[in-house]
Amino acid sequence: MKDYKVMFVGSSGSGKTTAISTVSEITPVITDVMNTDCKNLKKETTTVGLDYGEVSLPDMQRRKMRLYGTPGQARFSFMWKTVVQGTTGIVLLADNSLQNPLEEIRHYLQIFKDRLRGQECAGILGISKTDINPYPGKREYQQVLKELEIDIPIVIIDTRDYSSVMLMLTTLSLHLHKEDLYGDAEEKVNVLT
């Protein structure tokens, strides 16, 4: 039985590093450095490599989720192509505090839509920072998913809160487990170790 490889994607500042750090059962590998990106100076640090953590969920029969956080900046997009290989789950984080969060998340959905549409891997969309800006809400994000013909669950998430992140990962794990039961698990479950 192999573990699940889960990739976190989203804009810089959406909470990928924070979410992984919040739930990881091991000391997470964090590759944040001082932020020099003039476009996104609201953050002191930014991910320039990969973040990594691990978590076990009760319903996964001793399997682990291996969590890979990717940089949000377009200049590091070459890493997305590498990390996505063998990925069984994709967590897309939408930063609701951005000026146009729907267009920002649409960008990431466009990049990964073939994998999410083709049942190559399970996905979930987490909306973060709704405490800063409650709009847009789930309905507007659902419309974007519908336009792109992507059918994945949406959750409101506080990436700093253990229970919130675990609820999102548990929801994702239900879809991963369903894929194992009904899909070709040997092809879909591949972990970089």
Protein backbone atom coordinates (compact mmCIF):
# COMPACT_ATOMS: atom_id res chain seq x y z
CA MET A 1 0.00 0.00 0.00
CA LYS A 2 1.52 3.32 -1.09
CA ASP A 3 1.12 6.78 0.37
CA TYR A 4 -0.68 9.67 -1.29
CA LYS A 5 1.28 12.51 -2.86
CA VAL A 6 -0.61 15.79 -2.44
CA MET A 7 0.46 18.99 -4.16
CA PHE A 8 -0.48 22.44 -2.82
CA VAL A 9 -0.80 25.18 -5.45
CA GLY A 10 -2.01 28.77 -5.39
CA SER A 11 -0.81 32.33 -5.43
CA SER A 12 2.01 33.57 -3.25
CA GLY A 13 0.53 34.28 0.16
CA SER A 14 -2.48 31.97 -0.19
CA GLY A 15 -1.36 29.86 2.79
CA LYS A 16 0.33 26.79 1.29
CA THR A 17 3.35 26.85 3.62
CA THR A 18 1.17 27.72 6.60
CA ALA A 19 -1.29 24.88 5.93
CA ILE A 20 1.49 22.30 5.62
CA SER A 21 3.23 23.59 8.76
CA THR A 22 -0.06 23.56 10.68
CA VAL A 23 -0.75 19.83 10.23
CA SER A 24 2.59 18.17 9.50
CA GLU A 25 3.46 15.35 11.90
CA ILE A 26 7.13 15.81 11.12
CA THR A 27 9.17 18.98 11.25
CA PRO A 28 8.24 20.42 7.86
CA VAL A 29 10.84 21.30 5.26
CA ILE A 30 10.27 24.98 4.50
CA THR A 31 12.14 26.82 1.73
CA ASP A 32 11.05 30.37 2.48
CA VAL A 33 13.47 33.23 1.91
CA MET A 34 13.20 37.01 2.25
CA ASN A 35 10.66 38.28 -0.27
CA THR A 36 12.10 40.57 -2.95
CA ASP A 37 9.12 40.26 -5.31
CA CYS A 38 7.96 43.85 -5.83
CA LYS A 39 4.53 42.62 -6.96
CA ASN A 40 3.91 40.84 -3.65
CA LEU A 41 5.62 42.76 -0.87
CA LYS A 42 2.78 42.14 1.58
CA LYS A 43 4.68 39.00 2.66
CA GLU A 44 8.04 39.10 4.43
CA THR A 45 9.05 35.67 3.12
CA THR A 46 8.17 33.55 0.11
CA THR A 47 8.68 29.93 -0.96
CA VAL A 48 11.40 29.47 -3.58
CA GLY A 49 11.75 25.67 -3.55
CA LEU A 50 9.42 23.04 -2.16
CA ASP A 51 7.79 22.81 1.23
CA TYR A 52 7.25 19.29 2.54
CA GLY A 53 5.28 17.74 5.38
CA GLU A 54 3.49 14.51 6.25
CA VAL A 55 0.16 13.76 7.88
CA SER A 56 -1.81 10.59 8.63
CA LEU A 57 -5.58 10.56 8.57
CA PRO A 58 -7.63 7.93 10.45
CA ASP A 59 -9.59 6.74 7.41
CA MET A 60 -6.49 6.09 5.30
CA GLN A 61 -5.55 2.67 6.77
CA ARG A 62 -2.04 3.70 7.88
CA ARG A 63 -1.34 5.60 4.67
CA LYS A 64 0.25 8.99 4.87
CA MET A 65 -0.40 12.10 2.87
CA ARG A 66 2.92 13.50 1.71
CA LEU A 67 2.32 17.22 1.31
CA TYR A 68 4.30 19.22 -1.26
CA GLY A 69 3.95 23.00 -1.24
CA THR A 70 4.94 24.75 -4.45
CA PRO A 71 5.96 28.38 -5.02
CA GLY A 72 3.17 30.66 -6.19
CA GLN A 73 5.24 32.95 -8.38
CA ALA A 74 5.09 32.41 -12.13
CA ARG A 75 8.89 32.47 -12.37
CA PHE A 76 8.95 29.15 -10.48
CA SER A 77 6.25 27.50 -12.61
CA PHE A 78 8.80 25.02 -14.01
CA MET A 79 8.67 23.32 -10.59
CA TRP A 80 4.93 22.68 -10.91
CA LYS A 81 5.54 20.36 -13.87
CA THR A 82 8.07 18.38 -11.85
CA VAL A 83 6.07 18.11 -8.65
CA VAL A 84 2.80 17.19 -10.38
CA GLN A 85 4.34 13.95 -11.70
CA GLY A 86 2.84 11.12 -9.64
CA THR A 87 0.55 13.45 -7.72
CA THR A 88 -2.66 11.81 -6.55
CA GLY A 89 -4.23 14.93 -5.01
CA ILE A 90 -4.12 18.65 -5.68
CA VAL A 91 -5.05 21.27 -3.09
CA LEU A 92 -5.74 24.61 -4.79
CA LEU A 93 -5.71 27.54 -2.38
CA ALA A 94 -7.50 30.76 -3.34
CA ASP A 95 -6.43 33.90 -1.44
CA ASN A 96 -9.66 35.86 -0.97
CA SER A 97 -7.72 38.97 0.11
CA LEU A 98 -6.37 39.51 -3.42
CA GLN A 99 -7.82 42.21 -5.64
CA ASN A 100 -9.18 39.62 -8.10
CA PRO A 101 -9.05 36.18 -6.45
CA LEU A 102 -11.32 34.53 -9.01
CA GLU A 103 -9.00 35.36 -11.89
CA GLU A 104 -5.97 34.32 -9.84
CA ILE A 105 -7.40 30.88 -9.04
CA ARG A 106 -8.69 30.53 -12.61
CA HIS A 107 -5.03 30.76 -13.70
CA TYR A 108 -4.07 27.74 -11.55
CA LEU A 109 -7.19 25.81 -12.50
CA GLN A 110 -6.37 26.30 -16.19
CA ILE A 111 -2.89 24.87 -15.62
CA PHE A 112 -4.13 21.75 -13.80
CA LYS A 113 -7.57 21.30 -15.42
CA ASP A 114 -6.60 18.29 -17.54
CA ARG A 115 -5.48 16.38 -14.47
CA LEU A 116 -8.53 17.40 -12.48
CA ARG A 117 -10.98 16.73 -15.33
CA GLY A 118 -9.40 13.48 -16.46
CA GLN A 119 -9.66 11.84 -13.06
CA GLU A 120 -5.84 11.59 -12.93
CA CYS A 121 -6.00 12.90 -9.42
CA ALA A 122 -8.47 14.15 -6.86
CA GLY A 123 -8.70 17.85 -6.13
CA ILE A 124 -10.11 20.32 -3.65
CA LEU A 125 -10.37 24.11 -3.68
CA GLY A 126 -9.75 25.85 -0.37
CA ILE A 127 -10.73 29.52 -0.01
CA SER A 128 -8.41 31.24 2.46
CA LYS A 129 -8.44 34.68 4.09
CA THR A 130 -12.21 35.06 4.08
CA ASP A 131 -11.76 36.81 7.44
CA ILE A 132 -10.05 39.64 5.51
CA ASN A 133 -12.48 39.62 2.59
CA PRO A 134 -15.62 37.44 2.64
CA TYR A 135 -16.35 38.07 -1.04
CA PRO A 136 -16.27 36.28 -3.42
CA GLY A 137 -18.00 33.35 -1.79
CA LYS A 138 -18.37 29.68 -2.64
CA ARG A 139 -21.03 30.35 -5.25
CA GLU A 140 -18.69 32.52 -7.34
CA TYR A 141 -15.91 29.94 -7.12
CA GLN A 142 -18.37 27.20 -8.09
CA GLN A 143 -19.21 29.21 -11.20
CA VAL A 144 -15.52 29.32 -12.20
CA LEU A 145 -15.25 25.54 -11.70
CA LYS A 146 -18.40 25.02 -13.75
CA GLU A 147 -17.08 27.17 -16.60
CA LEU A 148 -13.87 25.11 -16.67
CA GLU A 149 -15.83 21.84 -16.35
CA ILE A 150 -13.98 20.87 -13.16
CA ASP A 151 -15.92 19.04 -10.47
CA ILE A 152 -14.08 19.31 -7.13
CA PRO A 153 -15.30 20.23 -3.63
CA ILE A 154 -14.84 23.74 -2.24
CA VAL A 155 -14.14 24.54 1.42
CA ILE A 156 -13.59 27.73 3.36
CA ILE A 157 -10.29 27.32 5.21
CA ASP A 158 -8.15 29.03 7.82
CA THR A 159 -4.69 27.69 7.02
CA ARG A 160 -3.53 28.57 10.56
CA ASP A 161 -6.15 26.35 12.17
CA TYR A 162 -5.36 22.64 12.58
CA SER A 163 -9.01 21.52 12.49
CA SER A 164 -9.75 23.55 9.38
CA VAL A 165 -6.79 22.15 7.42
CA MET A 166 -7.51 18.61 8.62
CA LEU A 167 -11.15 18.91 7.50
CA MET A 168 -9.96 19.94 4.04
CA LEU A 169 -7.47 17.05 3.86
CA THR A 170 -10.04 14.57 5.17
CA THR A 171 -12.46 15.69 2.44
CA LEU A 172 -9.70 15.21 -0.14
CA SER A 173 -8.84 11.78 1.32
CA LEU A 174 -12.42 10.59 0.76
CA HIS A 175 -12.00 11.34 -2.95
CA LEU A 176 -8.56 9.70 -3.00
CA HIS A 177 -9.94 6.58 -1.37
CA LYS A 178 -12.84 6.50 -3.86
CA GLU A 179 -10.31 6.68 -6.73
CA ASP A 180 -8.45 3.72 -5.23
CA LEU A 181 -11.62 1.68 -4.98
CA TYR A 182 -12.92 2.44 -8.47
CA GLY A 183 -9.86 3.53 -10.43
CA ASP A 184 -6.56 1.94 -11.31
CA ALA A 185 -4.85 2.52 -7.97
CA GLU A 186 -1.45 1.22 -9.06
CA GLU A 187 -1.22 3.85 -11.81
CA LYS A 188 -2.62 6.67 -9.73
CA VAL A 189 -0.67 6.19 -6.49
CA ASN A 190 2.96 7.06 -7.00
CA VAL A 191 5.06 8.87 -4.42
CA LEU A 192 8.41 10.57 -4.86
CA THR A 193 10.53 9.43 -1.93
